C-alpha cells in the first residue's frame, strides 16, 4: 500500500516536471518567435492589410507567403501580450529585412504604413507632370481621362489654368491615395509659397499680381538650370518689360507650338503667331509655360540689377549677357553660328 502511494507521488512529480519543462520550452520558444526576424525575401517587401482584416487572416497571409511558419497561436498570444489584438490598422506595411513579429504588430497597431515619394521636377510642364503621375505606382489614378479644367475643378480650383500651379517638391503618399490628392497638395503648396514670397518682392517690379510673377518665374525656369544665372536672366526680362521691349524668349514660342515642335526652332516658328510667341506679342504670355521651383520664383521676385537686355546660350548650359543689340548680335554670331572674330 505504501509503495503504491510512493509510485503515484513519483508519477505526479514527474508529470509536473514534464509540464514545467514543456511550459518553459514553450515560453522560450515563444520569446524566440517574438524577437526572431521574419523570413523576408526580396520579393516579399510589403504586406497589404485590407480593411476589416482579422489577425487570423493576416497571419494566414504571412504563412501562405512563407514569411512565417510559426503557429497562429503564437501570433495571438503575442498580440494579446502587446495588447494590440483588435487594434491592427489597414494599410501597406514594410517587411524590411530583420523585422520581427513584435515590430510588425507594433507597426500595424500604430498605423506606420509604407510611404512612397512622388517628386515634381522643377521645369516640368503640366502635361509632363500628368504623365509622371500616371506612371506612379500604388496611386489611384482618378485623374485618368479628365481634361485640365476638370482636374482643377476636382482639386478645388475651378477656372484656373493648370500650367505652373503645382510646386515642384517631393510629396509622400500611401498606397491607395488618389493622384488628385497629390495634385491638391502640390497646388496648395504653390499657392502658399506665392502668398509668402509675393509681399517680400523687390519694390518697383513691373509685375502687378502674384500670377504674373509665376509666369515670369516659369520663363526663367525654362531658360536656365544654373543657380548663378537665374537672377541675371530674370533681370534681363524685367528690364525689357520696363522698356516695353518684346521678351523674345524661345521657350515661350516652343510652348505655344505644342506637339508640333520637333526639337528644332526655325525662323518661321518665330514669326508664326500664337498667344505664347513673345517675338510677336508684347508683355508676358497668358499663362506660365512650366512649373517653376522656389529658386526660379525667388529670381523673378528679386532679379539681379544691371544693364543687360540680351543673352545668348554658349552651348555649355551657360549664357553670355550683353547690354546692346550690337554686342548681342556679335555674341549670336560667335556662340550660335560659330563665327567668332
C-alpha atoms as a PDB file:
ATOM      1  CA  UNK A   1       0.000   0.000   0.000  1.00  0.00           C
ATOM      2  CA  UNK A   2       2.834   2.344   0.950  1.00  0.00           C
ATOM      3  CA  UNK A   3       4.691   1.529  -2.277  1.00  0.00           C
ATOM      4  CA  UNK A   4       1.608   2.379  -4.323  1.00  0.00           C
ATOM      5  CA  UNK A   5       1.348   5.773  -2.729  1.00  0.00           C
ATOM      6  CA  UNK A   6       5.033   6.473  -3.399  1.00  0.00           C
ATOM      7  CA  UNK A   7       4.686   5.404  -7.020  1.00  0.00           C
ATOM      8  CA  UNK A   8       1.753   7.752  -7.590  1.00  0.00           C
ATOM      9  CA  UNK A   9       3.623  10.588  -5.949  1.00  0.00           C
ATOM     10  CA  UNK A  10       6.624   9.964  -8.139  1.00  0.00           C
ATOM     11  CA  UNK A  11       4.428   9.869 -11.214  1.00  0.00           C
ATOM     12  CA  UNK A  12       2.777  13.130 -10.169  1.00  0.00           C
ATOM     13  CA  UNK A  13       6.127  14.772  -9.603  1.00  0.00           C
ATOM     14  CA  UNK A  14       7.385  13.524 -12.941  1.00  0.00           C
ATOM     15  CA  UNK A  15       4.229  14.754 -14.664  1.00  0.00           C
ATOM     16  CA  UNK A  16       4.595  18.161 -13.036  1.00  0.00           C
ATOM     17  CA  UNK A  17       8.265  18.320 -14.030  1.00  0.00           C
ATOM     18  CA  UNK A  18       7.392  17.381 -17.604  1.00  0.00           C
ATOM     19  CA  UNK A  19       4.642  20.018 -17.655  1.00  0.00           C
ATOM     20  CA  UNK A  20       7.001  22.618 -16.200  1.00  0.00           C
ATOM     21  CA  UNK A  21       9.648  21.667 -18.732  1.00  0.00           C
ATOM     22  CA  UNK A  22       7.149  21.870 -21.563  1.00  0.00           C
ATOM     23  CA  UNK A  23       5.926  25.251 -20.354  1.00  0.00           C
ATOM     24  CA  UNK A  24       9.488  26.517 -20.024  1.00  0.00           C
ATOM     25  CA  UNK A  25      10.302  25.300 -23.508  1.00  0.00           C
ATOM     26  CA  UNK A  26       7.098  26.835 -24.882  1.00  0.00           C
ATOM     27  CA  UNK A  27       7.880  30.135 -23.161  1.00  0.00           C
ATOM     28  CA  UNK A  28      11.415  30.094 -24.506  1.00  0.00           C
ATOM     29  CA  UNK A  29      10.173  29.228 -27.997  1.00  0.00           C
ATOM     30  CA  UNK A  30       7.513  31.950 -27.806  1.00  0.00           C
ATOM     31  CA  UNK A  31      10.124  34.548 -26.847  1.00  0.00           C
ATOM     32  CA  UNK A  32      12.384  33.320 -29.625  1.00  0.00           C
ATOM     33  CA  UNK A  33       9.487  33.688 -32.086  1.00  0.00           C
ATOM     34  CA  UNK A  34       8.677  37.200 -30.834  1.00  0.00           C
ATOM     35  CA  UNK A  35      12.192  38.504 -31.407  1.00  0.00           C
ATOM     36  CA  UNK A  36      13.412  36.388 -34.331  1.00  0.00           C
ATOM     37  CA  UNK A  37      13.453  38.052 -37.765  1.00  0.00           C
ATOM     38  CA  UNK A  38      10.693  37.045 -40.143  1.00  0.00           C
ATOM     39  CA  UNK A  39      11.657  35.214 -43.322  1.00  0.00           C
ATOM     40  CA  UNK A  40      11.533  38.156 -45.706  1.00  0.00           C
ATOM     41  CA  UNK A  41      12.617  37.654 -49.307  1.00  0.00           C
ATOM     42  CA  UNK A  42      13.459  40.274 -51.906  1.00  0.00           C
ATOM     43  CA  UNK A  43      10.037  39.709 -53.460  1.00  0.00           C
ATOM     44  CA  UNK A  44       8.101  39.993 -50.187  1.00  0.00           C
ATOM     45  CA  UNK A  45       8.856  43.540 -49.099  1.00  0.00           C
ATOM     46  CA  UNK A  46       5.392  44.668 -48.008  1.00  0.00           C
ATOM     47  CA  UNK A  47       2.169  43.364 -46.519  1.00  0.00           C
ATOM     48  CA  UNK A  48      -1.264  44.656 -47.509  1.00  0.00           C
ATOM     49  CA  UNK A  49      -3.802  44.631 -44.705  1.00  0.00           C
ATOM     50  CA  UNK A  50      -7.311  45.156 -46.045  1.00  0.00           C
ATOM     51  CA  UNK A  51      -9.980  46.937 -44.029  1.00  0.00           C
ATOM     52  CA  UNK A  52     -11.728  44.559 -41.666  1.00  0.00           C
ATOM     53  CA  UNK A  53      -8.905  42.015 -41.729  1.00  0.00           C
ATOM     54  CA  UNK A  54      -8.632  39.798 -38.650  1.00  0.00           C
ATOM     55  CA  UNK A  55      -5.378  38.763 -37.020  1.00  0.00           C
ATOM     56  CA  UNK A  56      -6.113  35.238 -38.157  1.00  0.00           C
ATOM     57  CA  UNK A  57      -6.400  36.400 -41.772  1.00  0.00           C
ATOM     58  CA  UNK A  58      -3.215  38.467 -41.533  1.00  0.00           C
ATOM     59  CA  UNK A  59      -1.247  35.524 -40.113  1.00  0.00           C
ATOM     60  CA  UNK A  60      -2.718  33.258 -42.783  1.00  0.00           C
ATOM     61  CA  UNK A  61      -1.440  35.645 -45.454  1.00  0.00           C
ATOM     62  CA  UNK A  62       2.017  35.680 -43.882  1.00  0.00           C
ATOM     63  CA  UNK A  63       2.096  31.871 -43.698  1.00  0.00           C
ATOM     64  CA  UNK A  64       0.947  31.489 -47.321  1.00  0.00           C
ATOM     65  CA  UNK A  65       3.781  33.727 -48.450  1.00  0.00           C
ATOM     66  CA  UNK A  66       6.346  31.876 -46.377  1.00  0.00           C
ATOM     67  CA  UNK A  67       7.138  34.891 -44.220  1.00  0.00           C
ATOM     68  CA  UNK A  68       6.388  32.943 -41.030  1.00  0.00           C
ATOM     69  CA  UNK A  69       5.982  29.296 -40.103  1.00  0.00           C
ATOM     70  CA  UNK A  70       5.021  29.991 -36.514  1.00  0.00           C
ATOM     71  CA  UNK A  71       1.748  28.741 -35.111  1.00  0.00           C
ATOM     72  CA  UNK A  72      -1.150  31.225 -35.294  1.00  0.00           C
ATOM     73  CA  UNK A  73      -1.444  30.660 -31.537  1.00  0.00           C
ATOM     74  CA  UNK A  74       1.934  32.333 -31.076  1.00  0.00           C
ATOM     75  CA  UNK A  75       0.757  35.368 -33.027  1.00  0.00           C
ATOM     76  CA  UNK A  76      -2.451  35.553 -30.978  1.00  0.00           C
ATOM     77  CA  UNK A  77      -0.523  35.239 -27.716  1.00  0.00           C
ATOM     78  CA  UNK A  78       1.916  37.944 -28.805  1.00  0.00           C
ATOM     79  CA  UNK A  79      -0.901  40.306 -29.872  1.00  0.00           C
ATOM     80  CA  UNK A  80      -2.643  39.702 -26.533  1.00  0.00           C
ATOM     81  CA  UNK A  81       0.558  40.316 -24.594  1.00  0.00           C
ATOM     82  CA  UNK A  82       1.172  43.566 -26.518  1.00  0.00           C
ATOM     83  CA  UNK A  83      -2.498  44.493 -26.071  1.00  0.00           C
ATOM     84  CA  UNK A  84      -2.938  45.163 -29.790  1.00  0.00           C
ATOM     85  CA  UNK A  85      -5.416  42.417 -30.627  1.00  0.00           C
ATOM     86  CA  UNK A  86      -8.328  44.052 -32.415  1.00  0.00           C
ATOM     87  CA  UNK A  87      -6.341  47.273 -32.938  1.00  0.00           C
ATOM     88  CA  UNK A  88      -4.457  46.415 -36.131  1.00  0.00           C
ATOM     89  CA  UNK A  89      -4.994  49.013 -38.838  1.00  0.00           C
ATOM     90  CA  UNK A  90      -5.455  48.576 -42.569  1.00  0.00           C
ATOM     91  CA  UNK A  91      -2.709  49.652 -44.937  1.00  0.00           C
ATOM     92  CA  UNK A  92       0.562  48.649 -46.551  1.00  0.00           C
ATOM     93  CA  UNK A  93       3.321  47.697 -44.114  1.00  0.00           C
ATOM     94  CA  UNK A  94       7.010  47.258 -44.808  1.00  0.00           C
ATOM     95  CA  UNK A  95       8.520  43.799 -44.486  1.00  0.00           C
ATOM     96  CA  UNK A  96      12.034  45.077 -44.157  1.00  0.00           C
ATOM     97  CA  UNK A  97      14.932  42.667 -43.617  1.00  0.00           C
ATOM     98  CA  UNK A  98      15.325  41.875 -39.932  1.00  0.00           C
ATOM     99  CA  UNK A  99      11.790  42.860 -38.910  1.00  0.00           C
ATOM    100  CA  UNK A 100      10.397  40.753 -36.066  1.00  0.00           C
ATOM    101  CA  UNK A 101       6.792  39.726 -35.329  1.00  0.00           C
ATOM    102  CA  UNK A 102       6.752  42.147 -32.392  1.00  0.00           C
ATOM    103  CA  UNK A 103       7.883  45.041 -34.602  1.00  0.00           C
ATOM    104  CA  UNK A 104       5.393  44.174 -37.337  1.00  0.00           C
ATOM    105  CA  UNK A 105       2.460  44.057 -34.904  1.00  0.00           C
ATOM    106  CA  UNK A 106       3.603  47.332 -33.321  1.00  0.00           C
ATOM    107  CA  UNK A 107       3.720  48.991 -36.744  1.00  0.00           C
ATOM    108  CA  UNK A 108       0.247  47.735 -37.631  1.00  0.00           C
ATOM    109  CA  UNK A 109      -1.167  48.892 -34.302  1.00  0.00           C
ATOM    110  CA  UNK A 110       0.399  52.339 -34.751  1.00  0.00           C
ATOM    111  CA  UNK A 111      -0.602  52.589 -38.424  1.00  0.00           C
ATOM    112  CA  UNK A 112       3.008  53.065 -39.559  1.00  0.00           C
ATOM    113  CA  UNK A 113       2.247  52.343 -43.188  1.00  0.00           C
ATOM    114  CA  UNK A 114       4.725  52.469 -46.043  1.00  0.00           C
ATOM    115  CA  UNK A 115       5.138  55.924 -47.519  1.00  0.00           C
ATOM    116  CA  UNK A 116       6.010  56.371 -51.184  1.00  0.00           C
ATOM    117  CA  UNK A 117       7.521  59.520 -52.669  1.00  0.00           C
ATOM    118  CA  UNK A 118       6.498  61.391 -55.787  1.00  0.00           C
ATOM    119  CA  UNK A 119       8.786  64.190 -56.951  1.00  0.00           C
ATOM    120  CA  UNK A 120       7.595  67.032 -59.148  1.00  0.00           C
ATOM    121  CA  UNK A 121      10.653  68.219 -61.047  1.00  0.00           C
ATOM    122  CA  UNK A 122      11.397  71.913 -61.494  1.00  0.00           C
ATOM    123  CA  UNK A 123      10.574  72.929 -65.046  1.00  0.00           C
ATOM    124  CA  UNK A 124       8.137  70.144 -65.874  1.00  0.00           C
ATOM    125  CA  UNK A 125       5.072  71.182 -67.807  1.00  0.00           C
ATOM    126  CA  UNK A 126       1.653  70.217 -66.508  1.00  0.00           C
ATOM    127  CA  UNK A 127       1.481  67.590 -69.266  1.00  0.00           C
ATOM    128  CA  UNK A 128       4.777  66.078 -68.101  1.00  0.00           C
ATOM    129  CA  UNK A 129       3.517  66.094 -64.520  1.00  0.00           C
ATOM    130  CA  UNK A 130       0.414  64.148 -65.521  1.00  0.00           C
ATOM    131  CA  UNK A 131       2.457  61.577 -67.428  1.00  0.00           C
ATOM    132  CA  UNK A 132       4.668  61.012 -64.394  1.00  0.00           C
ATOM    133  CA  UNK A 133       1.648  60.710 -62.103  1.00  0.00           C
ATOM    134  CA  UNK A 134       0.081  58.161 -64.439  1.00  0.00           C
ATOM    135  CA  UNK A 135       3.219  56.033 -64.113  1.00  0.00           C
ATOM    136  CA  UNK A 136       3.436  56.334 -60.304  1.00  0.00           C
ATOM    137  CA  UNK A 137       2.895  53.034 -58.518  1.00  0.00           C
ATOM    138  CA  UNK A 138       0.389  52.482 -55.720  1.00  0.00           C
ATOM    139  CA  UNK A 139      -1.651  55.604 -56.520  1.00  0.00           C
ATOM    140  CA  UNK A 140      -5.279  55.520 -57.570  1.00  0.00           C
ATOM    141  CA  UNK A 141      -5.327  57.190 -60.968  1.00  0.00           C
ATOM    142  CA  UNK A 142      -8.576  59.098 -60.561  1.00  0.00           C
ATOM    143  CA  UNK A 143      -7.494  61.852 -62.964  1.00  0.00           C
ATOM    144  CA  UNK A 144      -7.193  59.454 -65.911  1.00  0.00           C
ATOM    145  CA  UNK A 145      -9.346  60.680 -68.768  1.00  0.00           C
ATOM    146  CA  UNK A 146     -10.001  64.098 -67.213  1.00  0.00           C
ATOM    147  CA  UNK A 147      -9.021  67.272 -69.039  1.00  0.00           C
ATOM    148  CA  UNK A 148      -7.090  70.011 -67.290  1.00  0.00           C
ATOM    149  CA  UNK A 149     -10.172  72.067 -66.487  1.00  0.00           C
ATOM    150  CA  UNK A 150     -11.869  69.122 -64.800  1.00  0.00           C
ATOM    151  CA  UNK A 151      -8.722  68.265 -62.857  1.00  0.00           C
ATOM    152  CA  UNK A 152      -8.631  71.807 -61.490  1.00  0.00           C
ATOM    153  CA  UNK A 153     -12.301  71.612 -60.571  1.00  0.00           C
ATOM    154  CA  UNK A 154     -11.769  68.303 -58.744  1.00  0.00           C
ATOM    155  CA  UNK A 155      -8.945  69.750 -56.629  1.00  0.00           C
ATOM    156  CA  UNK A 156     -10.967  72.803 -55.685  1.00  0.00           C
ATOM    157  CA  UNK A 157      -9.527  75.362 -58.125  1.00  0.00           C
ATOM    158  CA  UNK A 158     -12.202  75.733 -60.821  1.00  0.00           C
ATOM    159  CA  UNK A 159     -11.439  78.189 -63.591  1.00  0.00           C
ATOM    160  CA  UNK A 160      -7.665  78.226 -63.015  1.00  0.00           C
ATOM    161  CA  UNK A 161      -5.343  77.342 -65.874  1.00  0.00           C
ATOM    162  CA  UNK A 162      -3.328  74.365 -64.553  1.00  0.00           C
ATOM    163  CA  UNK A 163       0.061  75.249 -66.015  1.00  0.00           C
ATOM    164  CA  UNK A 164       2.531  76.428 -63.390  1.00  0.00           C
ATOM    165  CA  UNK A 165       0.151  75.930 -60.458  1.00  0.00           C
ATOM    166  CA  UNK A 166       1.913  72.989 -58.776  1.00  0.00           C
ATOM    167  CA  UNK A 167       5.013  73.428 -56.650  1.00  0.00           C
ATOM    168  CA  UNK A 168       7.981  71.219 -57.557  1.00  0.00           C
ATOM    169  CA  UNK A 169       8.695  69.277 -54.359  1.00  0.00           C
ATOM    170  CA  UNK A 170       8.671  65.671 -53.127  1.00  0.00           C
ATOM    171  CA  UNK A 171       5.282  64.549 -51.831  1.00  0.00           C
ATOM    172  CA  UNK A 172       4.758  61.443 -49.698  1.00  0.00           C
ATOM    173  CA  UNK A 173       1.708  59.255 -50.213  1.00  0.00           C
ATOM    174  CA  UNK A 174       0.475  55.857 -49.097  1.00  0.00           C
ATOM    175  CA  UNK A 175      -0.862  53.026 -51.167  1.00  0.00           C
ATOM    176  CA  UNK A 176      -4.415  53.741 -52.268  1.00  0.00           C
ATOM    177  CA  UNK A 177      -4.146  57.534 -52.197  1.00  0.00           C
ATOM    178  CA  UNK A 178      -5.523  59.340 -55.231  1.00  0.00           C
ATOM    179  CA  UNK A 179      -3.352  61.190 -57.723  1.00  0.00           C
ATOM    180  CA  UNK A 180      -5.813  64.046 -57.221  1.00  0.00           C
ATOM    181  CA  UNK A 181      -4.738  64.146 -53.565  1.00  0.00           C
ATOM    182  CA  UNK A 182      -1.126  64.681 -54.643  1.00  0.00           C
ATOM    183  CA  UNK A 183      -2.143  67.387 -57.107  1.00  0.00           C
ATOM    184  CA  UNK A 184      -4.264  69.137 -54.500  1.00  0.00           C
ATOM    185  CA  UNK A 185      -1.359  69.234 -52.049  1.00  0.00           C
ATOM    186  CA  UNK A 186       1.069  70.493 -54.701  1.00  0.00           C
ATOM    187  CA  UNK A 187      -1.432  73.166 -55.757  1.00  0.00           C
ATOM    188  CA  UNK A 188      -1.876  74.317 -52.164  1.00  0.00           C
ATOM    189  CA  UNK A 189       1.904  74.337 -51.658  1.00  0.00           C
ATOM    190  CA  UNK A 190       2.369  76.632 -54.669  1.00  0.00           C
ATOM    191  CA  UNK A 191      -0.414  78.961 -53.511  1.00  0.00           C
ATOM    192  CA  UNK A 192       1.127  79.218 -50.042  1.00  0.00           C
ATOM    193  CA  UNK A 193       4.616  79.752 -51.451  1.00  0.00           C
ATOM    194  CA  UNK A 194       3.433  82.596 -53.671  1.00  0.00           C
ATOM    195  CA  UNK A 195       1.456  84.131 -50.809  1.00  0.00           C
ATOM    196  CA  UNK A 196       4.620  84.132 -48.685  1.00  0.00           C
ATOM    197  CA  UNK A 197       7.078  85.317 -51.327  1.00  0.00           C
ATOM    198  CA  UNK A 198       4.983  87.961 -53.094  1.00  0.00           C
ATOM    199  CA  UNK A 199       4.840  90.505 -50.243  1.00  0.00           C
ATOM    200  CA  UNK A 200       8.654  90.349 -49.878  1.00  0.00           C
ATOM    201  CA  UNK A 201       9.304  91.121 -53.574  1.00  0.00           C
ATOM    202  CA  UNK A 202      11.640  93.877 -54.677  1.00  0.00           C
ATOM    203  CA  UNK A 203       9.870  97.237 -54.959  1.00  0.00           C
ATOM    204  CA  UNK A 204       9.067  98.673 -58.360  1.00  0.00           C
ATOM    205  CA  UNK A 205       8.845  95.429 -60.321  1.00  0.00           C
ATOM    206  CA  UNK A 206       6.722  95.582 -63.495  1.00  0.00           C
ATOM    207  CA  UNK A 207       4.572  92.784 -62.087  1.00  0.00           C
ATOM    208  CA  UNK A 208       1.095  93.576 -60.778  1.00  0.00           C
ATOM    209  CA  UNK A 209      -0.025  90.182 -59.433  1.00  0.00           C
ATOM    210  CA  UNK A 210       1.495  87.004 -57.979  1.00  0.00           C
ATOM    211  CA  UNK A 211       0.281  85.214 -61.099  1.00  0.00           C
ATOM    212  CA  UNK A 212       2.463  87.443 -63.275  1.00  0.00           C
ATOM    213  CA  UNK A 213       5.397  86.551 -61.033  1.00  0.00           C
ATOM    214  CA  UNK A 214       4.538  82.888 -61.573  1.00  0.00           C
ATOM    215  CA  UNK A 215       4.546  83.398 -65.349  1.00  0.00           C
ATOM    216  CA  UNK A 216       7.913  85.172 -65.286  1.00  0.00           C
ATOM    217  CA  UNK A 217       9.389  82.527 -62.986  1.00  0.00           C
ATOM    218  CA  UNK A 218       8.296  79.792 -65.382  1.00  0.00           C
ATOM    219  CA  UNK A 219      10.165  81.507 -68.219  1.00  0.00           C
ATOM    220  CA  UNK A 220      13.292  81.849 -66.069  1.00  0.00           C
ATOM    221  CA  UNK A 221      12.943  78.162 -65.152  1.00  0.00           C
ATOM    222  CA  UNK A 222      12.909  77.082 -68.783  1.00  0.00           C
ATOM    223  CA  UNK A 223      15.707  79.426 -69.819  1.00  0.00           C
ATOM    224  CA  UNK A 224      18.331  78.134 -67.402  1.00  0.00           C
ATOM    225  CA  UNK A 225      19.005  75.456 -64.840  1.00  0.00           C
ATOM    226  CA  UNK A 226      22.026  77.289 -63.448  1.00  0.00           C
ATOM    227  CA  UNK A 227      21.590  78.747 -59.991  1.00  0.00           C
ATOM    228  CA  UNK A 228      24.117  81.516 -60.696  1.00  0.00           C
ATOM    229  CA  UNK A 229      22.176  82.744 -63.735  1.00  0.00           C
ATOM    230  CA  UNK A 230      18.527  82.743 -62.669  1.00  0.00           C
ATOM    231  CA  UNK A 231      18.503  86.204 -61.136  1.00  0.00           C
ATOM    232  CA  UNK A 232      20.524  87.665 -64.045  1.00  0.00           C
ATOM    233  CA  UNK A 233      18.113  86.253 -66.612  1.00  0.00           C
ATOM    234  CA  UNK A 234      15.149  87.493 -64.561  1.00  0.00           C
ATOM    235  CA  UNK A 235      16.812  90.903 -64.548  1.00  0.00           C
ATOM    236  CA  UNK A 236      17.006  90.927 -68.345  1.00  0.00           C
ATOM    237  CA  UNK A 237      13.287  90.155 -68.679  1.00  0.00           C
ATOM    238  CA  UNK A 238      12.305  92.703 -66.021  1.00  0.00           C
ATOM    239  CA  UNK A 239      14.249  95.464 -67.802  1.00  0.00           C
ATOM    240  CA  UNK A 240      12.710  94.505 -71.143  1.00  0.00           C
ATOM    241  CA  UNK A 241       9.231  94.692 -69.597  1.00  0.00           C
ATOM    242  CA  UNK A 242      10.050  98.099 -68.119  1.00  0.00           C
ATOM    243  CA  UNK A 243      11.233  99.349 -71.516  1.00  0.00           C
ATOM    244  CA  UNK A 244       8.193  97.780 -73.288  1.00  0.00           C
ATOM    245  CA  UNK A 245      10.504  95.604 -75.357  1.00  0.00           C
ATOM    246  CA  UNK A 246       9.409  92.225 -76.665  1.00  0.00           C
ATOM    247  CA  UNK A 247      10.680  89.449 -74.403  1.00  0.00           C
ATOM    248  CA  UNK A 248      11.753  87.342 -77.402  1.00  0.00           C
ATOM    249  CA  UNK A 249      12.294  84.142 -75.427  1.00  0.00           C
ATOM    250  CA  UNK A 250      12.395  80.831 -77.274  1.00  0.00           C
ATOM    251  CA  UNK A 251      10.809  78.652 -74.542  1.00  0.00           C
ATOM    252  CA  UNK A 252       7.519  80.548 -74.829  1.00  0.00           C
ATOM    253  CA  UNK A 253       7.463  80.015 -78.589  1.00  0.00           C
ATOM    254  CA  UNK A 254       8.162  76.314 -78.130  1.00  0.00           C
ATOM    255  CA  UNK A 255       5.405  76.033 -75.549  1.00  0.00           C
ATOM    256  CA  UNK A 256       2.947  77.719 -77.901  1.00  0.00           C
ATOM    257  CA  UNK A 257       3.833  75.274 -80.667  1.00  0.00           C
ATOM    258  CA  UNK A 258       2.700  72.331 -78.556  1.00  0.00           C
ATOM    259  CA  UNK A 259       3.106  68.938 -80.185  1.00  0.00           C
ATOM    260  CA  UNK A 260       4.193  70.494 -83.477  1.00  0.00           C
ATOM    261  CA  UNK A 261       7.589  71.310 -82.009  1.00  0.00           C
ATOM    262  CA  UNK A 262      10.013  68.692 -83.337  1.00  0.00           C
ATOM    263  CA  UNK A 263      13.141  69.716 -81.456  1.00  0.00           C
ATOM    264  CA  UNK A 264      14.380  72.419 -83.792  1.00  0.00           C
ATOM    265  CA  UNK A 265      13.172  76.017 -83.630  1.00  0.00           C
ATOM    266  CA  UNK A 266      13.041  77.557 -87.124  1.00  0.00           C
ATOM    267  CA  UNK A 267      12.785  81.163 -88.253  1.00  0.00           C
ATOM    268  CA  UNK A 268       9.238  80.534 -89.487  1.00  0.00           C
ATOM    269  CA  UNK A 269       8.302  79.414 -85.970  1.00  0.00           C
ATOM    270  CA  UNK A 270       9.422  82.752 -84.572  1.00  0.00           C
ATOM    271  CA  UNK A 271       7.139  84.586 -86.983  1.00  0.00           C
ATOM    272  CA  UNK A 272       4.114  82.313 -86.607  1.00  0.00           C
ATOM    273  CA  UNK A 273       1.717  83.953 -84.199  1.00  0.00           C
ATOM    274  CA  UNK A 274       0.441  82.149 -81.108  1.00  0.00           C
ATOM    275  CA  UNK A 275      -0.606  83.599 -77.743  1.00  0.00           C
ATOM    276  CA  UNK A 276       2.801  82.495 -76.431  1.00  0.00           C
ATOM    277  CA  UNK A 277       5.005  83.926 -79.195  1.00  0.00           C
ATOM    278  CA  UNK A 278       6.907  86.633 -77.340  1.00  0.00           C
ATOM    279  CA  UNK A 279       8.715  87.569 -80.562  1.00  0.00           C
ATOM    280  CA  UNK A 280       5.399  88.887 -81.853  1.00  0.00           C
ATOM    281  CA  UNK A 281       3.326  89.710 -78.779  1.00  0.00           C
ATOM    282  CA  UNK A 282       4.334  92.223 -76.100  1.00  0.00           C
ATOM    283  CA  UNK A 283       4.434  91.530 -72.401  1.00  0.00           C
ATOM    284  CA  UNK A 284       4.172  88.235 -70.614  1.00  0.00           C
ATOM    285  CA  UNK A 285       2.438  85.218 -72.169  1.00  0.00           C
ATOM    286  CA  UNK A 286      -1.109  84.484 -70.920  1.00  0.00           C
ATOM    287  CA  UNK A 287      -0.106  81.619 -68.602  1.00  0.00           C
ATOM    288  CA  UNK A 288       3.052  80.077 -67.200  1.00  0.00           C
ATOM    289  CA  UNK A 289       4.892  77.737 -69.538  1.00  0.00           C
ATOM    290  CA  UNK A 290       6.145  75.303 -66.880  1.00  0.00           C
ATOM    291  CA  UNK A 291       6.161  74.547 -63.167  1.00  0.00           C
ATOM    292  CA  UNK A 292       8.739  76.871 -61.607  1.00  0.00           C
ATOM    293  CA  UNK A 293      10.566  75.870 -58.457  1.00  0.00           C
ATOM    294  CA  UNK A 294      11.251  78.120 -55.492  1.00  0.00           C
ATOM    295  CA  UNK A 295      14.655  79.276 -56.828  1.00  0.00           C
ATOM    296  CA  UNK A 296      13.049  80.500 -60.061  1.00  0.00           C
ATOM    297  CA  UNK A 297      10.294  82.252 -58.096  1.00  0.00           C
ATOM    298  CA  UNK A 298      12.938  83.873 -55.919  1.00  0.00           C
ATOM    299  CA  UNK A 299      14.786  85.090 -59.023  1.00  0.00           C
ATOM    300  CA  UNK A 300      11.627  86.530 -60.595  1.00  0.00           C
ATOM    301  CA  UNK A 301      10.797  88.468 -57.431  1.00  0.00           C
ATOM    302  CA  UNK A 302      14.395  89.522 -56.733  1.00  0.00           C
ATOM    303  CA  UNK A 303      16.074  89.975 -60.137  1.00  0.00           C
ATOM    304  CA  UNK A 304      19.728  90.923 -60.317  1.00  0.00           C
ATOM    305  CA  UNK A 305      20.433  94.578 -61.076  1.00  0.00           C
ATOM    306  CA  UNK A 306      22.367  95.559 -64.177  1.00  0.00           C
ATOM    307  CA  UNK A 307      22.046  96.883 -67.709  1.00  0.00           C
ATOM    308  CA  UNK A 308      21.926  93.689 -69.765  1.00  0.00           C
ATOM    309  CA  UNK A 309      18.983  93.435 -72.160  1.00  0.00           C
ATOM    310  CA  UNK A 310      20.108  90.363 -74.082  1.00  0.00           C
ATOM    311  CA  UNK A 311      21.621  86.943 -73.523  1.00  0.00           C
ATOM    312  CA  UNK A 312      22.540  84.015 -75.710  1.00  0.00           C
ATOM    313  CA  UNK A 313      23.396  80.412 -74.888  1.00  0.00           C
ATOM    314  CA  UNK A 314      27.047  79.467 -75.037  1.00  0.00           C
ATOM    315  CA  UNK A 315      26.218  75.837 -75.727  1.00  0.00           C
ATOM    316  CA  UNK A 316      27.527  74.523 -72.424  1.00  0.00           C
ATOM    317  CA  UNK A 317      24.463  75.356 -70.350  1.00  0.00           C
ATOM    318  CA  UNK A 318      25.612  78.883 -69.538  1.00  0.00           C
ATOM    319  CA  UNK A 319      24.791  82.216 -71.200  1.00  0.00           C
ATOM    320  CA  UNK A 320      26.660  85.333 -72.219  1.00  0.00           C
ATOM    321  CA  UNK A 321      24.932  88.640 -71.464  1.00  0.00           C
ATOM    322  CA  UNK A 322      25.096  91.926 -73.318  1.00  0.00           C
ATOM    323  CA  UNK A 323      23.814  95.471 -72.883  1.00  0.00           C
ATOM    324  CA  UNK A 324      23.398  96.431 -76.552  1.00  0.00           C
ATOM    325  CA  UNK A 325      21.919  94.859 -79.639  1.00  0.00           C
ATOM    326  CA  UNK A 326      25.227  95.276 -81.474  1.00  0.00           C
ATOM    327  CA  UNK A 327      27.068  93.329 -78.813  1.00  0.00           C
ATOM    328  CA  UNK A 328      24.310  90.720 -78.718  1.00  0.00           C
ATOM    329  CA  UNK A 329      24.497  90.194 -82.481  1.00  0.00           C
ATOM    330  CA  UNK A 330      28.242  89.570 -82.191  1.00  0.00           C
ATOM    331  CA  UNK A 331      27.570  87.020 -79.464  1.00  0.00           C
ATOM    332  CA  UNK A 332      24.974  85.295 -81.638  1.00  0.00           C
ATOM    333  CA  UNK A 333      27.475  85.103 -84.484  1.00  0.00           C
ATOM    334  CA  UNK A 334      30.085  83.664 -82.155  1.00  0.00           C
ATOM    335  CA  UNK A 335      28.140  81.229 -79.976  1.00  0.00           C
ATOM    336  CA  UNK A 336      25.289  80.125 -82.230  1.00  0.00           C
ATOM    337  CA  UNK A 337      26.748  80.456 -85.716  1.00  0.00           C
ATOM    338  CA  UNK A 338      30.340  79.672 -84.623  1.00  0.00           C
ATOM    339  CA  UNK A 339      31.723  82.731 -86.416  1.00  0.00           C
ATOM    340  CA  UNK A 340      33.729  84.287 -83.620  1.00  0.00           C
ATOM    341  CA  UNK A 341      36.009  87.193 -84.528  1.00  0.00           C
END
